[in-house]
C-alpha cells in the first residue's frame, strides 16, 4: 500500500525493520525478565534495581548482536537498498489448479491400484 502511495523505498524498508525489531525486542525483554524473576531477581528493592540494570544492559547487547546478524544476512543475500517482499495480491491461475488436481488424482489412482 505504501508503494502505491509513492512512499520512498528507504522509508518503507526502515519502517519494516523497525516494526519487526519492536516485537523482537519485546520478546527478548519478556524472556530475560522471566528468567530473572524465576531466579528471585525482584525479591527486594536492591535486587530489583540490580536486575533492572542487568536487564537493560543485556537487552542492549542482545539487540545489537541480533541487528549485526540481520545485517550479515542481508549482505549475504545481496541486499541492494531494497527489501523485496511478496505482494499482498496474488494472481490466480486456472492452469495451476488443473495441474494440481491432475497430479493429486494420478497419485490417488496409483496408490489405489497398488
N, C-alpha and C. Protein backbone atom coordinates (compact mmCIF):
# COMPACT_ATOMS: atom_id res chain seq x y z
N UNK A 1 0.82 -1.18 0.00
CA UNK A 1 0.00 0.00 0.00
C UNK A 1 0.87 1.25 0.00
N UNK A 2 1.96 1.21 0.79
CA UNK A 2 2.83 2.38 0.84
C UNK A 2 3.53 2.63 -0.49
N UNK A 3 3.82 1.56 -1.22
CA UNK A 3 4.43 1.75 -2.54
C UNK A 3 3.44 2.42 -3.49
N UNK A 4 2.18 2.06 -3.38
CA UNK A 4 1.16 2.71 -4.21
C UNK A 4 1.01 4.19 -3.88
N UNK A 5 1.28 4.54 -2.62
CA UNK A 5 1.22 5.94 -2.21
C UNK A 5 2.52 6.68 -2.51
N UNK A 6 3.45 6.00 -3.16
CA UNK A 6 4.74 6.56 -3.57
C UNK A 6 5.60 7.02 -2.41
N UNK A 7 5.56 6.24 -1.32
CA UNK A 7 6.45 6.49 -0.19
C UNK A 7 7.83 5.98 -0.61
N UNK A 8 8.91 6.70 -0.30
CA UNK A 8 10.25 6.25 -0.71
C UNK A 8 10.58 4.86 -0.17
N UNK A 9 11.28 4.07 -1.01
CA UNK A 9 11.63 2.70 -0.66
C UNK A 9 12.43 2.63 0.64
N UNK A 10 13.36 3.57 0.80
CA UNK A 10 14.19 3.56 2.00
C UNK A 10 13.34 3.69 3.26
N UNK A 11 12.35 4.56 3.23
CA UNK A 11 11.47 4.76 4.38
C UNK A 11 10.63 3.51 4.66
N UNK A 12 10.17 2.85 3.62
CA UNK A 12 9.41 1.61 3.79
C UNK A 12 10.29 0.54 4.42
N UNK A 13 11.53 0.43 3.95
CA UNK A 13 12.46 -0.56 4.49
C UNK A 13 12.75 -0.30 5.96
N UNK A 14 13.00 0.94 6.31
CA UNK A 14 13.29 1.28 7.71
C UNK A 14 12.07 0.99 8.59
N UNK A 15 10.89 1.32 8.11
CA UNK A 15 9.68 1.05 8.90
C UNK A 15 9.46 -0.45 9.07
N UNK A 16 9.74 -1.23 8.04
CA UNK A 16 9.57 -2.68 8.11
C UNK A 16 10.52 -3.29 9.13
N UNK A 17 11.78 -2.89 9.08
CA UNK A 17 12.78 -3.44 10.00
C UNK A 17 12.48 -2.99 11.43
N UNK A 18 12.10 -1.74 11.62
CA UNK A 18 11.80 -1.25 12.96
C UNK A 18 10.57 -1.95 13.53
N UNK A 19 9.56 -2.17 12.72
CA UNK A 19 8.36 -2.87 13.17
C UNK A 19 8.72 -4.27 13.65
N UNK A 20 9.56 -4.94 12.88
CA UNK A 20 10.00 -6.30 13.26
C UNK A 20 10.80 -6.26 14.55
N UNK A 21 11.71 -5.30 14.67
CA UNK A 21 12.58 -5.25 15.83
C UNK A 21 11.85 -4.85 17.11
N UNK A 22 10.74 -4.14 16.99
CA UNK A 22 9.96 -3.82 18.19
C UNK A 22 9.47 -5.11 18.83
N UNK A 23 8.96 -6.02 18.04
CA UNK A 23 8.45 -7.27 18.59
C UNK A 23 9.57 -8.20 19.03
N UNK A 24 10.68 -8.19 18.33
CA UNK A 24 11.84 -8.97 18.75
C UNK A 24 12.34 -8.45 20.09
N UNK A 25 12.39 -7.13 20.23
CA UNK A 25 12.82 -6.51 21.48
C UNK A 25 11.88 -6.86 22.63
N UNK A 26 10.59 -6.81 22.39
CA UNK A 26 9.62 -7.15 23.43
C UNK A 26 9.71 -8.62 23.83
N UNK A 27 9.93 -9.49 22.86
CA UNK A 27 10.07 -10.91 23.17
C UNK A 27 11.32 -11.16 24.00
N UNK A 28 12.41 -10.53 23.62
CA UNK A 28 13.67 -10.67 24.36
C UNK A 28 13.52 -10.12 25.77
N UNK A 29 12.88 -8.98 25.90
CA UNK A 29 12.63 -8.38 27.21
C UNK A 29 11.83 -9.33 28.09
N UNK A 30 10.80 -9.92 27.54
CA UNK A 30 9.98 -10.86 28.31
C UNK A 30 10.74 -12.09 28.76
N UNK A 31 11.58 -12.63 27.86
CA UNK A 31 12.36 -13.82 28.23
C UNK A 31 13.36 -13.51 29.32
N UNK A 32 14.06 -12.40 29.21
CA UNK A 32 15.07 -12.04 30.22
C UNK A 32 14.39 -11.75 31.55
N UNK A 33 13.28 -11.00 31.54
CA UNK A 33 12.58 -10.67 32.78
C UNK A 33 12.03 -11.92 33.45
N UNK A 34 11.52 -12.87 32.66
CA UNK A 34 11.03 -14.12 33.23
C UNK A 34 12.16 -14.92 33.86
N UNK A 35 13.30 -14.95 33.18
CA UNK A 35 14.46 -15.67 33.73
C UNK A 35 14.93 -15.03 35.03
N UNK A 36 14.97 -13.71 35.07
CA UNK A 36 15.38 -13.02 36.30
C UNK A 36 14.37 -13.24 37.42
N UNK A 37 13.10 -13.18 37.07
CA UNK A 37 12.06 -13.37 38.08
C UNK A 37 12.09 -14.78 38.65
N UNK A 38 12.37 -15.76 37.81
CA UNK A 38 12.43 -17.13 38.30
C UNK A 38 13.65 -17.38 39.19
N UNK A 39 14.65 -16.52 39.07
CA UNK A 39 15.82 -16.61 39.95
C UNK A 39 15.73 -15.63 41.12
N UNK A 40 14.53 -15.19 41.41
CA UNK A 40 14.26 -14.26 42.52
C UNK A 40 15.03 -12.95 42.36
N UNK A 41 15.03 -12.43 41.15
CA UNK A 41 15.75 -11.19 40.88
C UNK A 41 15.03 -9.95 41.34
N UNK A 42 13.77 -10.07 41.75
CA UNK A 42 12.99 -8.89 42.14
C UNK A 42 12.40 -9.05 43.54
N UNK A 43 13.10 -9.74 44.44
CA UNK A 43 12.54 -10.00 45.76
C UNK A 43 12.59 -8.79 46.67
N UNK A 44 13.57 -7.94 46.50
CA UNK A 44 13.63 -6.70 47.28
C UNK A 44 14.08 -5.56 46.38
N UNK A 45 14.09 -4.38 46.94
CA UNK A 45 14.37 -3.19 46.15
C UNK A 45 15.79 -3.20 45.56
N UNK A 46 16.74 -3.61 46.35
CA UNK A 46 18.13 -3.62 45.91
C UNK A 46 18.33 -4.60 44.74
N UNK A 47 17.81 -5.80 44.89
CA UNK A 47 17.94 -6.80 43.82
C UNK A 47 17.13 -6.41 42.59
N UNK A 48 16.01 -5.74 42.80
CA UNK A 48 15.19 -5.30 41.67
C UNK A 48 15.94 -4.25 40.85
N UNK A 49 16.60 -3.31 41.52
CA UNK A 49 17.39 -2.29 40.81
C UNK A 49 18.56 -2.94 40.06
N UNK A 50 19.21 -3.89 40.71
CA UNK A 50 20.32 -4.58 40.07
C UNK A 50 19.82 -5.39 38.86
N UNK A 51 18.71 -6.07 39.03
CA UNK A 51 18.15 -6.87 37.94
C UNK A 51 17.69 -6.00 36.78
N UNK A 52 17.12 -4.83 37.09
CA UNK A 52 16.69 -3.92 36.03
C UNK A 52 17.88 -3.40 35.24
N UNK A 53 18.97 -3.10 35.93
CA UNK A 53 20.18 -2.64 35.24
C UNK A 53 20.75 -3.75 34.37
N UNK A 54 20.79 -4.96 34.90
CA UNK A 54 21.27 -6.09 34.11
C UNK A 54 20.37 -6.35 32.92
N UNK A 55 19.06 -6.21 33.12
CA UNK A 55 18.11 -6.40 32.04
C UNK A 55 18.35 -5.40 30.93
N UNK A 56 18.54 -4.14 31.28
CA UNK A 56 18.78 -3.11 30.27
C UNK A 56 20.05 -3.34 29.49
N UNK A 57 21.12 -3.68 30.20
CA UNK A 57 22.39 -3.89 29.51
C UNK A 57 22.34 -5.14 28.64
N UNK A 58 21.75 -6.21 29.16
CA UNK A 58 21.66 -7.45 28.37
C UNK A 58 20.74 -7.27 27.17
N UNK A 59 19.69 -6.50 27.35
CA UNK A 59 18.77 -6.23 26.24
C UNK A 59 19.49 -5.45 25.13
N UNK A 60 20.30 -4.47 25.51
CA UNK A 60 21.06 -3.71 24.53
C UNK A 60 22.04 -4.60 23.78
N UNK A 61 22.79 -5.41 24.50
CA UNK A 61 23.79 -6.27 23.88
C UNK A 61 23.13 -7.30 22.96
N UNK A 62 22.06 -7.92 23.44
CA UNK A 62 21.36 -8.92 22.64
C UNK A 62 20.78 -8.31 21.37
N UNK A 63 20.17 -7.15 21.49
CA UNK A 63 19.58 -6.49 20.33
C UNK A 63 20.66 -6.06 19.34
N UNK A 64 21.77 -5.56 19.85
CA UNK A 64 22.87 -5.15 18.98
C UNK A 64 23.42 -6.34 18.20
N UNK A 65 23.62 -7.46 18.88
CA UNK A 65 24.11 -8.67 18.21
C UNK A 65 23.12 -9.17 17.17
N UNK A 66 21.85 -9.11 17.50
CA UNK A 66 20.82 -9.57 16.56
C UNK A 66 20.78 -8.66 15.33
N UNK A 67 20.96 -7.37 15.52
CA UNK A 67 20.98 -6.46 14.38
C UNK A 67 22.21 -6.69 13.51
N UNK A 68 23.34 -7.05 14.13
CA UNK A 68 24.52 -7.38 13.34
C UNK A 68 24.28 -8.65 12.51
N UNK A 69 23.63 -9.64 13.11
CA UNK A 69 23.32 -10.86 12.37
C UNK A 69 22.36 -10.58 11.21
N UNK A 70 21.40 -9.68 11.45
CA UNK A 70 20.47 -9.31 10.38
C UNK A 70 21.21 -8.62 9.24
N UNK A 71 22.14 -7.73 9.57
CA UNK A 71 22.92 -7.05 8.55
C UNK A 71 23.78 -8.04 7.76
N UNK A 72 24.36 -9.00 8.46
CA UNK A 72 25.15 -10.03 7.78
C UNK A 72 24.28 -10.86 6.85
N UNK A 73 23.09 -11.20 7.32
CA UNK A 73 22.17 -11.98 6.48
C UNK A 73 21.74 -11.19 5.25
N UNK A 74 21.45 -9.91 5.43
CA UNK A 74 21.07 -9.07 4.29
C UNK A 74 22.22 -8.95 3.30
N UNK A 75 23.43 -8.76 3.81
CA UNK A 75 24.60 -8.65 2.92
C UNK A 75 24.84 -9.94 2.16
N UNK A 76 24.66 -11.07 2.83
CA UNK A 76 24.91 -12.35 2.17
C UNK A 76 23.85 -12.65 1.11
N UNK A 77 22.68 -12.04 1.23
CA UNK A 77 21.62 -12.25 0.24
C UNK A 77 21.62 -11.18 -0.85
N UNK A 78 22.65 -10.35 -0.84
CA UNK A 78 22.76 -9.35 -1.89
C UNK A 78 21.84 -8.16 -1.71
N UNK A 79 21.72 -7.68 -0.50
CA UNK A 79 20.86 -6.52 -0.22
C UNK A 79 21.34 -5.33 -1.03
N UNK A 80 20.44 -4.70 -1.76
CA UNK A 80 20.80 -3.54 -2.59
C UNK A 80 19.87 -2.36 -2.32
N UNK A 81 19.71 -2.04 -1.05
CA UNK A 81 18.89 -0.90 -0.61
C UNK A 81 17.41 -1.06 -0.90
N UNK A 82 16.95 -2.28 -1.01
CA UNK A 82 15.53 -2.52 -1.22
C UNK A 82 15.15 -3.89 -0.69
N UNK A 83 14.26 -3.92 0.29
CA UNK A 83 13.76 -5.18 0.83
C UNK A 83 12.54 -5.58 0.01
N UNK A 84 12.69 -6.60 -0.78
CA UNK A 84 11.58 -7.06 -1.61
C UNK A 84 10.81 -8.15 -0.87
N UNK A 85 9.52 -7.98 -0.77
CA UNK A 85 8.64 -8.97 -0.17
C UNK A 85 7.54 -9.29 -1.18
N UNK A 86 6.85 -10.39 -0.92
CA UNK A 86 5.77 -10.77 -1.82
C UNK A 86 4.64 -9.75 -1.75
N UNK A 87 4.04 -9.44 -2.86
CA UNK A 87 2.90 -8.51 -2.82
C UNK A 87 1.70 -9.16 -2.15
N UNK A 88 0.81 -8.33 -1.66
CA UNK A 88 -0.38 -8.83 -0.98
C UNK A 88 -1.37 -9.45 -1.96
N UNK A 89 -1.30 -9.05 -3.21
CA UNK A 89 -2.21 -9.57 -4.22
C UNK A 89 -1.53 -10.69 -4.98
N UNK A 90 -2.17 -11.83 -5.04
CA UNK A 90 -1.64 -12.97 -5.76
C UNK A 90 -2.50 -13.23 -6.98
N UNK A 91 -1.87 -13.64 -8.05
CA UNK A 91 -2.63 -13.97 -9.25
C UNK A 91 -3.09 -15.42 -9.16
N UNK A 92 -4.30 -15.64 -9.58
CA UNK A 92 -4.90 -16.96 -9.53
C UNK A 92 -4.85 -17.54 -10.93
N UNK A 93 -4.20 -18.69 -11.07
CA UNK A 93 -4.03 -19.30 -12.38
C UNK A 93 -4.83 -20.60 -12.45
N UNK A 94 -5.72 -20.68 -13.41
CA UNK A 94 -6.52 -21.88 -13.61
C UNK A 94 -5.64 -23.06 -14.01
N UNK A 95 -4.56 -22.77 -14.74
CA UNK A 95 -3.66 -23.83 -15.18
C UNK A 95 -3.04 -24.57 -14.00
N UNK A 96 -2.61 -23.84 -12.96
CA UNK A 96 -2.01 -24.49 -11.79
C UNK A 96 -3.04 -25.29 -10.99
N UNK A 97 -4.26 -24.81 -10.97
CA UNK A 97 -5.32 -25.55 -10.27
C UNK A 97 -5.55 -26.89 -10.97
N UNK A 98 -5.67 -26.86 -12.29
CA UNK A 98 -5.89 -28.09 -13.03
C UNK A 98 -4.69 -29.03 -12.94
N UNK A 99 -3.50 -28.47 -12.96
CA UNK A 99 -2.30 -29.30 -12.82
C UNK A 99 -2.27 -29.97 -11.46
N UNK A 100 -2.62 -29.25 -10.42
CA UNK A 100 -2.66 -29.80 -9.06
C UNK A 100 -3.71 -30.91 -8.95
N UNK A 101 -4.86 -30.66 -9.52
CA UNK A 101 -5.93 -31.67 -9.49
C UNK A 101 -5.50 -32.93 -10.25
N UNK A 102 -4.88 -32.77 -11.40
CA UNK A 102 -4.42 -33.93 -12.19
C UNK A 102 -3.35 -34.72 -11.44
N UNK A 103 -2.39 -34.03 -10.86
CA UNK A 103 -1.32 -34.72 -10.13
C UNK A 103 -1.89 -35.44 -8.91
N UNK A 104 -2.78 -34.78 -8.17
CA UNK A 104 -3.36 -35.41 -6.97
C UNK A 104 -4.20 -36.62 -7.35
N UNK A 105 -5.00 -36.50 -8.41
CA UNK A 105 -5.83 -37.64 -8.80
C UNK A 105 -4.97 -38.78 -9.33
N UNK A 106 -3.90 -38.48 -10.04
CA UNK A 106 -2.99 -39.53 -10.52
C UNK A 106 -2.35 -40.25 -9.34
N UNK A 107 -1.95 -39.51 -8.35
CA UNK A 107 -1.34 -40.13 -7.17
C UNK A 107 -2.35 -41.01 -6.43
N UNK A 108 -3.59 -40.56 -6.33
CA UNK A 108 -4.62 -41.37 -5.70
C UNK A 108 -4.90 -42.66 -6.46
N UNK A 109 -4.95 -42.54 -7.79
CA UNK A 109 -5.22 -43.72 -8.62
C UNK A 109 -4.07 -44.71 -8.50
N UNK A 110 -2.85 -44.23 -8.55
CA UNK A 110 -1.67 -45.10 -8.46
C UNK A 110 -1.62 -45.78 -7.09
N UNK A 111 -1.91 -45.03 -6.03
CA UNK A 111 -1.88 -45.63 -4.70
C UNK A 111 -3.03 -46.63 -4.49
N UNK A 112 -4.16 -46.42 -5.17
CA UNK A 112 -5.29 -47.33 -5.07
C UNK A 112 -5.00 -48.63 -5.82
N UNK A 113 -4.33 -48.54 -6.96
CA UNK A 113 -4.02 -49.70 -7.77
C UNK A 113 -3.02 -50.62 -7.05
N UNK A 114 -2.08 -50.06 -6.38
CA UNK A 114 -1.06 -50.86 -5.69
C UNK A 114 -1.67 -51.47 -4.50
